[in-house]
N, C-alpha and C. Protein backbone atom coordinates (compact mmCIF):
# COMPACT_ATOMS: atom_id res chain seq x y z
N MET A 1 -12.01 11.67 4.39
CA MET A 1 -12.91 10.76 4.60
C MET A 1 -12.01 10.09 5.88
N ASN A 2 -12.09 9.32 6.68
CA ASN A 2 -11.69 9.27 7.99
C ASN A 2 -11.45 7.52 7.52
N THR A 3 -10.76 6.85 8.77
CA THR A 3 -11.08 5.43 8.92
C THR A 3 -11.70 5.48 8.84
N SER A 4 -12.37 5.69 9.72
CA SER A 4 -13.82 4.85 9.98
C SER A 4 -15.14 5.15 9.00
N THR A 5 -15.06 6.13 8.44
CA THR A 5 -16.10 6.33 7.70
C THR A 5 -15.56 5.18 5.87
N TRP A 6 -14.61 5.55 6.17
CA TRP A 6 -13.76 4.67 4.82
C TRP A 6 -14.22 2.95 4.94
N VAL A 7 -13.94 3.21 5.54
CA VAL A 7 -14.05 1.16 5.93
C VAL A 7 -15.68 0.62 6.37
N LYS A 8 -16.86 1.39 6.76
CA LYS A 8 -17.86 1.44 6.42
C LYS A 8 -18.65 1.37 5.24
N ARG A 9 -18.00 2.66 4.36
CA ARG A 9 -18.46 1.94 3.15
C ARG A 9 -17.90 0.71 2.53
N CYS A 10 -16.45 0.51 2.59
CA CYS A 10 -16.29 -0.49 2.03
C CYS A 10 -16.34 -1.86 2.01
N THR A 11 -17.22 -3.00 1.49
CA THR A 11 -17.75 -4.13 1.77
C THR A 11 -16.94 -4.81 0.90
N PRO A 12 -16.60 -6.25 1.09
CA PRO A 12 -15.95 -7.35 -0.12
C PRO A 12 -16.26 -6.67 -1.56
N GLU A 13 -17.29 -6.87 -1.66
CA GLU A 13 -18.03 -6.81 -3.05
C GLU A 13 -17.54 -5.29 -3.59
N ASN A 14 -17.62 -4.59 -3.07
CA ASN A 14 -16.97 -2.71 -3.91
C ASN A 14 -15.31 -2.57 -3.41
N LEU A 15 -14.45 -3.58 -2.87
CA LEU A 15 -13.75 -2.99 -2.98
C LEU A 15 -12.92 -3.82 -4.36
N PRO A 16 -11.47 -2.71 -4.94
CA PRO A 16 -10.89 -2.60 -5.83
C PRO A 16 -10.36 -4.22 -6.13
N ASP A 17 -9.81 -3.96 -7.21
CA ASP A 17 -9.34 -5.94 -7.41
C ASP A 17 -7.95 -5.34 -7.39
N ASP A 18 -7.10 -4.76 -7.90
CA ASP A 18 -5.94 -4.62 -7.77
C ASP A 18 -5.08 -4.64 -6.59
N GLY A 19 -5.91 -4.85 -4.81
CA GLY A 19 -5.38 -4.57 -4.13
C GLY A 19 -4.99 -3.42 -3.20
N SER A 20 -5.11 -2.41 -3.86
CA SER A 20 -4.62 -1.05 -3.35
C SER A 20 -5.60 -1.02 -2.15
N TRP A 21 -6.54 -1.52 -1.79
CA TRP A 21 -7.60 -1.61 -0.53
C TRP A 21 -6.68 -1.77 0.29
N ARG A 22 -5.18 -2.27 0.45
CA ARG A 22 -5.01 -2.71 1.90
C ARG A 22 -4.28 -1.80 3.07
N GLN A 23 -4.60 -2.84 3.74
CA GLN A 23 -3.72 -1.42 5.15
C GLN A 23 -2.53 -1.47 5.02
N SER A 24 -2.00 -0.19 5.03
CA SER A 24 -0.73 0.10 5.07
C SER A 24 -0.04 -0.37 6.40
N HIS A 25 1.02 -1.13 7.25
CA HIS A 25 1.62 -0.70 8.08
C HIS A 25 -0.11 -1.30 9.02
N SER A 26 -0.75 -2.11 8.92
CA SER A 26 -1.74 -2.65 9.28
C SER A 26 -2.35 -2.08 11.09
N GLY A 27 -2.93 -1.79 10.45
CA GLY A 27 -3.41 0.27 11.39
C GLY A 27 -2.62 1.17 11.77
N SER A 28 -1.74 2.15 10.62
CA SER A 28 -0.67 2.76 10.78
C SER A 28 -1.59 4.54 10.62
N GLY A 29 -2.98 4.14 11.21
CA GLY A 29 -3.95 5.50 11.55
C GLY A 29 -4.41 5.72 9.58
N GLY A 30 -3.70 5.64 9.08
CA GLY A 30 -4.16 6.14 7.22
C GLY A 30 -5.75 5.25 6.98
N SER A 31 -5.96 5.72 5.97
CA SER A 31 -7.32 4.45 5.31
C SER A 31 -7.01 3.67 4.71
N GLY A 32 -4.96 3.13 4.17
CA GLY A 32 -4.21 2.22 3.70
C GLY A 32 -5.22 2.26 1.92
N TYR A 33 -6.15 3.04 1.37
CA TYR A 33 -6.39 3.02 0.47
C TYR A 33 -5.45 3.98 -0.51
N THR A 34 -4.13 3.39 -1.69
CA THR A 34 -3.22 3.93 -2.60
C THR A 34 -4.00 4.10 -3.76
N GLY A 35 -4.92 3.79 -4.05
CA GLY A 35 -5.47 3.96 -5.21
C GLY A 35 -4.81 3.95 -6.88
N GLY A 36 -4.34 2.74 -6.23
CA GLY A 36 -3.92 1.37 -7.92
C GLY A 36 -2.55 2.06 -7.65
N VAL A 37 -2.10 3.07 -6.80
CA VAL A 37 -0.47 2.79 -7.86
C VAL A 37 0.64 2.09 -7.04
N GLU A 38 1.33 1.70 -7.57
CA GLU A 38 2.08 1.12 -7.30
C GLU A 38 3.06 1.25 -6.12
N GLU A 39 3.97 0.27 -5.06
CA GLU A 39 4.51 0.73 -3.86
C GLU A 39 6.23 1.20 -5.50
N LYS A 40 6.67 2.08 -3.69
CA LYS A 40 8.08 2.84 -4.70
C LYS A 40 9.40 2.72 -3.19
N THR A 41 10.36 3.11 -3.59
CA THR A 41 11.34 2.65 -2.63
C THR A 41 12.51 3.83 -3.16
N CYS A 42 12.51 4.82 -1.69
CA CYS A 42 12.92 5.85 -1.86
C CYS A 42 14.33 5.88 -2.67
N ALA A 43 15.11 6.40 -2.97
CA ALA A 43 16.75 6.32 -3.76
C ALA A 43 17.30 6.41 -3.17
N THR A 44 17.16 7.34 -1.65
CA THR A 44 18.19 7.79 -0.66
C THR A 44 18.20 6.29 0.24
N CYS A 45 16.82 6.61 0.59
CA CYS A 45 17.15 5.25 2.21
C CYS A 45 17.20 4.42 1.82
N GLY A 46 16.13 4.21 1.04
CA GLY A 46 15.46 2.29 0.49
C GLY A 46 14.41 2.32 1.10
N ARG A 47 14.38 3.36 1.36
CA ARG A 47 12.40 3.02 3.09
C ARG A 47 11.54 2.97 1.76
N ARG A 48 10.62 2.33 1.69
CA ARG A 48 9.25 1.79 1.52
C ARG A 48 8.47 3.40 1.52
N ILE A 49 8.42 4.42 0.37
CA ILE A 49 7.24 5.29 0.13
C ILE A 49 6.19 5.08 0.21
N GLU A 50 5.66 5.62 1.26
CA GLU A 50 4.01 5.97 1.44
C GLU A 50 3.39 6.52 0.73
N TRP A 51 2.38 6.54 -0.20
CA TRP A 51 1.59 6.96 -0.51
C TRP A 51 1.38 8.30 -0.18
N ARG A 52 1.94 9.41 -0.88
CA ARG A 52 0.02 10.83 -0.37
C ARG A 52 -0.83 11.25 -1.04
N LYS A 53 -2.06 11.08 -0.81
CA LYS A 53 -3.31 12.24 -1.73
C LYS A 53 -2.08 13.63 -2.12
N LYS A 54 -1.41 14.01 -2.01
CA LYS A 54 -0.17 15.66 -2.17
C LYS A 54 0.06 14.91 -3.22
N TRP A 55 0.95 13.67 -4.35
CA TRP A 55 1.51 13.75 -4.61
C TRP A 55 0.84 12.85 -5.76
N ALA A 56 -0.91 12.94 -5.54
CA ALA A 56 -1.37 11.89 -6.81
C ALA A 56 -0.94 12.09 -7.89
N ARG A 57 -0.92 13.61 -8.52
CA ARG A 57 -0.71 14.02 -9.94
C ARG A 57 0.57 14.03 -10.33
N ASP A 58 1.55 13.70 -9.47
CA ASP A 58 2.93 13.95 -10.07
C ASP A 58 3.59 12.54 -9.19
N TRP A 59 3.19 11.03 -8.95
CA TRP A 59 3.25 10.06 -8.25
C TRP A 59 4.49 9.03 -9.46
N GLU A 60 4.62 9.25 -10.71
CA GLU A 60 5.61 8.98 -10.99
C GLU A 60 6.90 9.72 -10.74
N ASN A 61 7.04 11.01 -10.95
CA ASN A 61 8.26 10.83 -10.66
C ASN A 61 8.78 11.84 -9.02
N VAL A 62 7.99 10.85 -8.42
CA VAL A 62 8.58 10.81 -6.73
C VAL A 62 9.83 9.51 -6.42
N ARG A 63 10.54 10.51 -5.71
CA ARG A 63 11.97 9.75 -6.20
C ARG A 63 12.35 9.44 -3.99
N TYR A 64 11.93 10.09 -3.74
CA TYR A 64 12.31 10.50 -2.42
C TYR A 64 11.39 10.25 -1.40
N CYS A 65 11.51 9.93 -0.12
CA CYS A 65 10.06 10.01 0.92
C CYS A 65 10.53 11.27 1.90
N SER A 66 11.47 12.34 2.06
CA SER A 66 11.16 13.16 2.14
C SER A 66 12.57 14.56 1.81
N ASP A 67 12.22 15.19 2.61
CA ASP A 67 13.26 16.61 2.22
C ASP A 67 14.33 15.88 2.40
N ALA A 68 14.63 15.46 4.20
CA ALA A 68 16.34 15.10 4.30
C ALA A 68 16.97 14.77 2.68
N CYS A 69 16.08 13.05 2.65
CA CYS A 69 16.66 11.88 1.50
C CYS A 69 16.67 13.19 0.71
N ARG A 70 16.58 13.71 -0.03
CA ARG A 70 16.66 14.21 -1.44
C ARG A 70 17.43 15.26 -1.35
N ARG A 71 18.03 16.05 0.06
CA ARG A 71 18.98 16.42 0.21
C ARG A 71 20.32 15.57 -0.10
N HIS A 72 19.79 14.36 1.01
CA HIS A 72 21.42 13.60 1.08
C HIS A 72 21.19 12.90 -0.36
N ARG A 73 21.36 12.63 -1.33
CA ARG A 73 21.68 11.65 -2.64
C ARG A 73 22.67 10.60 -2.73
N PRO A 74 23.00 10.01 -2.44
CA PRO A 74 24.03 8.77 -2.81
C PRO A 74 25.36 9.16 -3.51
N GLY A 75 26.68 9.22 -2.39
CA GLY A 75 27.42 9.98 -3.70
C GLY A 75 28.24 8.66 -3.26
N ASP A 76 29.68 8.58 -3.46
CA ASP A 76 30.76 8.09 -4.11
C ASP A 76 30.67 7.48 -2.57
N THR A 77 30.76 7.56 -1.13
CA THR A 77 30.81 6.88 -0.35
C THR A 77 29.51 5.91 -0.36
N ASP A 78 27.87 6.20 -0.81
CA ASP A 78 26.97 5.29 -0.41
C ASP A 78 28.15 4.24 -1.57
N ARG A 79 28.34 4.21 -2.54
CA ARG A 79 27.85 3.08 -3.57
C ARG A 79 29.56 2.21 -3.59
N ALA A 80 30.61 3.20 -2.77
CA ALA A 80 31.33 2.25 -2.13
C ALA A 80 31.25 1.33 -1.12
N LEU A 81 30.08 1.09 0.10
CA LEU A 81 29.25 1.03 0.80
C LEU A 81 28.72 -0.50 0.42
N GLU A 82 27.90 0.22 -0.81
CA GLU A 82 27.15 -0.72 -2.18
C GLU A 82 27.90 -1.48 -2.06
N THR A 83 29.33 -1.55 -3.12
CA THR A 83 29.91 -2.36 -4.04
C THR A 83 30.67 -3.65 -2.21
N THR A 84 30.72 -2.83 -1.62
CA THR A 84 32.04 -4.10 -0.41
C THR A 84 30.83 -4.34 0.43
N ILE A 85 29.97 -4.08 0.53
CA ILE A 85 28.65 -4.89 0.54
C ILE A 85 28.63 -6.62 0.00
N VAL A 86 28.61 -6.78 -1.12
CA VAL A 86 28.57 -7.61 -2.50
C VAL A 86 29.54 -7.76 -2.51
N GLU A 87 31.07 -7.35 -2.51
CA GLU A 87 32.33 -8.22 -2.21
C GLU A 87 32.26 -8.59 -0.89
N LEU A 88 31.75 -7.91 -0.08
CA LEU A 88 31.76 -9.20 1.50
C LEU A 88 31.12 -10.63 1.17
N LEU A 89 30.03 -10.21 0.65
CA LEU A 89 28.67 -11.41 0.91
C LEU A 89 29.27 -12.81 -0.44
N ASP A 90 29.68 -11.95 -1.02
CA ASP A 90 31.09 -12.96 -2.40
C ASP A 90 31.72 -13.92 -1.68
N ARG A 91 32.41 -13.32 -1.02
CA ARG A 91 33.42 -13.55 -0.11
C ARG A 91 33.57 -14.70 0.67
N ARG A 92 31.83 -15.37 1.27
CA ARG A 92 31.19 -15.78 2.25
C ARG A 92 30.61 -16.93 1.54
N ALA A 93 30.68 -18.23 1.93
CA ALA A 93 29.72 -19.07 1.60
C ALA A 93 28.82 -19.14 1.96
N ALA A 94 27.95 -19.35 1.05
CA ALA A 94 26.86 -19.52 0.35
C ALA A 94 25.49 -19.18 2.02
N GLY A 95 24.15 -18.38 1.52
CA GLY A 95 23.96 -19.24 2.82
C GLY A 95 24.55 -18.06 4.49
N LYS A 96 25.59 -17.56 4.12
CA LYS A 96 26.20 -16.62 4.78
C LYS A 96 25.97 -15.56 5.42
N THR A 97 26.10 -14.66 6.95
CA THR A 97 25.88 -13.31 6.56
C THR A 97 27.40 -12.58 6.82
N ILE A 98 26.63 -11.27 6.53
CA ILE A 98 28.07 -10.32 7.26
C ILE A 98 26.58 -9.08 8.57
N CYS A 99 27.34 -8.46 9.49
CA CYS A 99 27.39 -7.06 9.56
C CYS A 99 26.88 -6.41 8.81
N PRO A 100 26.54 -5.02 9.21
CA PRO A 100 26.91 -4.03 7.76
C PRO A 100 28.32 -3.17 8.61
N SER A 101 28.04 -3.49 9.62
CA SER A 101 29.70 -2.81 10.23
C SER A 101 30.64 -3.66 9.38
N GLU A 102 30.95 -4.39 9.34
CA GLU A 102 31.84 -4.59 8.56
C GLU A 102 32.51 -3.85 7.44
N ALA A 103 31.54 -4.16 6.11
CA ALA A 103 31.77 -3.08 5.62
C ALA A 103 32.02 -1.65 5.63
N ALA A 104 31.07 -1.26 6.36
CA ALA A 104 31.63 0.50 7.14
C ALA A 104 32.99 0.28 7.80
N LYS A 105 33.46 -0.38 8.21
CA LYS A 105 35.03 -0.50 8.76
C LYS A 105 35.78 -0.53 7.40
N GLN A 106 35.57 -1.45 6.48
CA GLN A 106 36.55 -1.38 5.35
C GLN A 106 36.48 -0.04 4.37
N VAL A 107 35.44 0.60 4.15
CA VAL A 107 35.10 1.95 3.76
C VAL A 107 35.42 2.38 4.70
N GLY A 108 35.56 3.32 6.14
CA GLY A 108 35.72 4.21 6.94
C GLY A 108 36.69 4.11 7.38
N GLY A 109 37.38 2.85 7.66
CA GLY A 109 39.14 2.45 8.89
C GLY A 109 39.05 2.87 10.51
N ASP A 110 39.01 4.15 10.13
CA ASP A 110 39.26 3.68 11.81
C ASP A 110 37.81 4.98 12.30
N ASP A 111 36.74 5.77 11.72
CA ASP A 111 35.77 6.26 11.57
C ASP A 111 34.33 6.17 11.05
N TRP A 112 34.53 4.53 11.33
CA TRP A 112 33.63 4.05 10.94
C TRP A 112 32.37 3.82 11.53
N ARG A 113 32.39 4.02 12.72
CA ARG A 113 31.07 4.38 13.04
C ARG A 113 29.65 5.18 12.88
N ASP A 114 30.58 6.45 11.94
CA ASP A 114 29.63 7.25 11.07
C ASP A 114 28.89 6.77 10.48
N LEU A 115 29.76 5.59 9.67
CA LEU A 115 29.36 4.83 8.36
C LEU A 115 27.97 4.37 8.55
N MET A 116 28.02 3.88 9.60
CA MET A 116 26.66 2.40 9.96
C MET A 116 25.26 3.12 9.37
N GLU A 117 24.96 4.39 9.92
CA GLU A 117 23.60 4.83 9.13
C GLU A 117 23.96 4.33 7.46
N PRO A 118 25.01 4.92 7.02
CA PRO A 118 25.20 4.73 5.62
C PRO A 118 25.15 3.59 5.39
N ALA A 119 26.03 2.67 5.59
CA ALA A 119 25.66 1.18 5.79
C ALA A 119 24.62 0.73 5.30
N ARG A 120 23.66 0.54 6.48
CA ARG A 120 22.15 0.45 6.64
C ARG A 120 21.48 0.83 5.41
N ARG A 121 21.54 2.04 5.13
CA ARG A 121 20.61 2.90 3.82
C ARG A 121 21.42 2.00 2.68
N ALA A 122 22.26 2.05 2.25
CA ALA A 122 23.58 1.16 1.49
C ALA A 122 22.48 -0.24 1.55
N ALA A 123 22.56 -1.39 2.41
CA ALA A 123 21.75 -2.05 2.64
C ALA A 123 20.20 -2.29 1.54
N ARG A 124 19.40 -1.06 2.25
CA ARG A 124 18.20 -1.41 2.10
C ARG A 124 18.00 -0.89 0.20
N ARG A 125 19.33 -0.63 0.10
CA ARG A 125 18.94 0.09 -1.57
C ARG A 125 19.65 -0.65 -2.19
N LEU A 126 20.35 -2.21 -1.58
CA LEU A 126 20.37 -3.22 -2.42
C LEU A 126 19.10 -4.15 -2.16
N VAL A 127 18.78 -4.32 -0.93
CA VAL A 127 17.33 -5.64 -0.64
C VAL A 127 16.47 -5.10 -2.06
N ASP A 128 16.16 -3.60 -2.55
CA ASP A 128 15.65 -3.29 -3.67
C ASP A 128 15.95 -3.50 -5.59
N ALA A 129 16.84 -3.25 -5.18
CA ALA A 129 17.83 -4.10 -6.30
C ALA A 129 17.73 -5.35 -6.35
N GLY A 130 17.41 -6.23 -5.08
CA GLY A 130 17.32 -7.56 -5.55
C GLY A 130 18.76 -8.42 -5.24
N THR A 131 19.94 -7.75 -5.09
CA THR A 131 20.64 -8.68 -4.61
C THR A 131 20.63 -9.61 -2.98
N ILE A 132 20.52 -8.54 -2.19
CA ILE A 132 20.88 -9.31 -1.12
C ILE A 132 18.87 -9.26 -0.16
N GLU A 133 19.44 -9.60 0.75
CA GLU A 133 18.45 -10.18 1.91
C GLU A 133 18.89 -8.98 3.57
N ILE A 134 17.87 -8.81 3.95
CA ILE A 134 18.16 -8.28 5.86
C ILE A 134 17.69 -8.82 6.63
N THR A 135 18.27 -10.48 7.08
CA THR A 135 17.51 -10.28 9.09
C THR A 135 18.36 -10.75 9.65
N GLN A 136 16.80 -10.68 11.01
CA GLN A 136 17.41 -10.73 11.83
C GLN A 136 16.83 -11.77 13.10
N GLN A 137 18.04 -12.80 13.86
CA GLN A 137 17.42 -14.05 14.16
C GLN A 137 17.19 -14.11 13.22
N GLY A 138 17.95 -14.24 12.18
CA GLY A 138 17.57 -15.32 11.15
C GLY A 138 16.66 -15.59 10.02
N HIS A 139 15.61 -14.92 10.42
CA HIS A 139 14.75 -14.39 9.23
C HIS A 139 14.25 -13.00 8.89
N VAL A 140 13.82 -13.00 7.18
CA VAL A 140 14.18 -11.97 5.90
C VAL A 140 13.01 -11.26 7.16
N VAL A 141 13.65 -9.89 7.45
CA VAL A 141 12.34 -8.60 7.38
C VAL A 141 12.53 -7.65 6.40
N ASP A 142 11.73 -6.76 6.49
CA ASP A 142 11.16 -5.65 5.87
C ASP A 142 12.08 -4.65 6.00
N PRO A 143 12.99 -4.06 5.38
CA PRO A 143 13.99 -3.66 5.44
C PRO A 143 13.74 -2.17 5.69
N SER A 144 11.98 -1.82 5.65
CA SER A 144 11.69 -0.33 5.77
C SER A 144 11.11 -0.61 7.60
N THR A 145 11.09 -1.59 7.88
CA THR A 145 10.82 -1.75 9.41
C THR A 145 11.25 -2.34 10.33
N ALA A 146 13.15 -2.69 9.83
CA ALA A 146 13.39 -2.99 10.72
C ALA A 146 14.22 -2.29 11.26
N LYS A 147 13.88 -2.93 12.74
CA LYS A 147 14.66 -1.98 13.87
C LYS A 147 16.01 -2.97 14.47
N GLY A 148 16.55 -2.49 15.37
CA GLY A 148 17.99 -2.72 15.36
C GLY A 148 18.91 -3.98 15.26
N PRO A 149 19.81 -5.07 15.91
CA PRO A 149 21.06 -5.29 15.28
C PRO A 149 20.20 -6.25 13.94
N ILE A 150 20.50 -6.18 12.34
CA ILE A 150 19.92 -6.67 11.65
C ILE A 150 21.51 -7.41 10.96
N ARG A 151 21.38 -8.31 9.91
CA ARG A 151 22.13 -8.72 8.97
C ARG A 151 22.40 -8.73 7.42
N LEU A 152 23.67 -9.17 7.01
CA LEU A 152 23.53 -9.28 5.30
C LEU A 152 23.30 -10.54 4.77
N ARG A 153 22.65 -11.45 3.93
CA ARG A 153 22.67 -12.21 3.62
C ARG A 153 22.81 -12.02 2.07
N LYS A 154 23.57 -12.58 1.00
CA LYS A 154 22.82 -13.18 -0.36
C LYS A 154 22.07 -13.85 -0.75
N VAL A 155 21.18 -13.08 -2.03
CA VAL A 155 19.77 -13.77 -2.21
C VAL A 155 20.51 -14.76 -3.15
């Protein structure tokens, strides 16, 4: 069923009460109907996993958003980045932020640039755990869609 057909058939009185009818990413092209399933976060990259019809029978076992994330499961470096982010934030005053590069520099030394994306992934996993927030220009942003420079702040 394409989006326009689904939208025409749905009226406020026949939509499910569980909110599963919501449009994900406001107009991303999909129907937005998730079948009443809960949102999940990828165990590797920390981004929101979008429900797919092919996963309907096995949704409770889905842990990764892609084959690439399934191949690159968090390892020792990823755990070191998470620990370092939390330690750096613990040393800062309440409400103060850090850049993910600070954790990358502490863990990676001279090769810290290669750890920038892993540091951002570690930050997204910490957001999912409820430990930190990701901000841009002082405002909390969705870690799944944030582009550009980010800052990390303790919750």
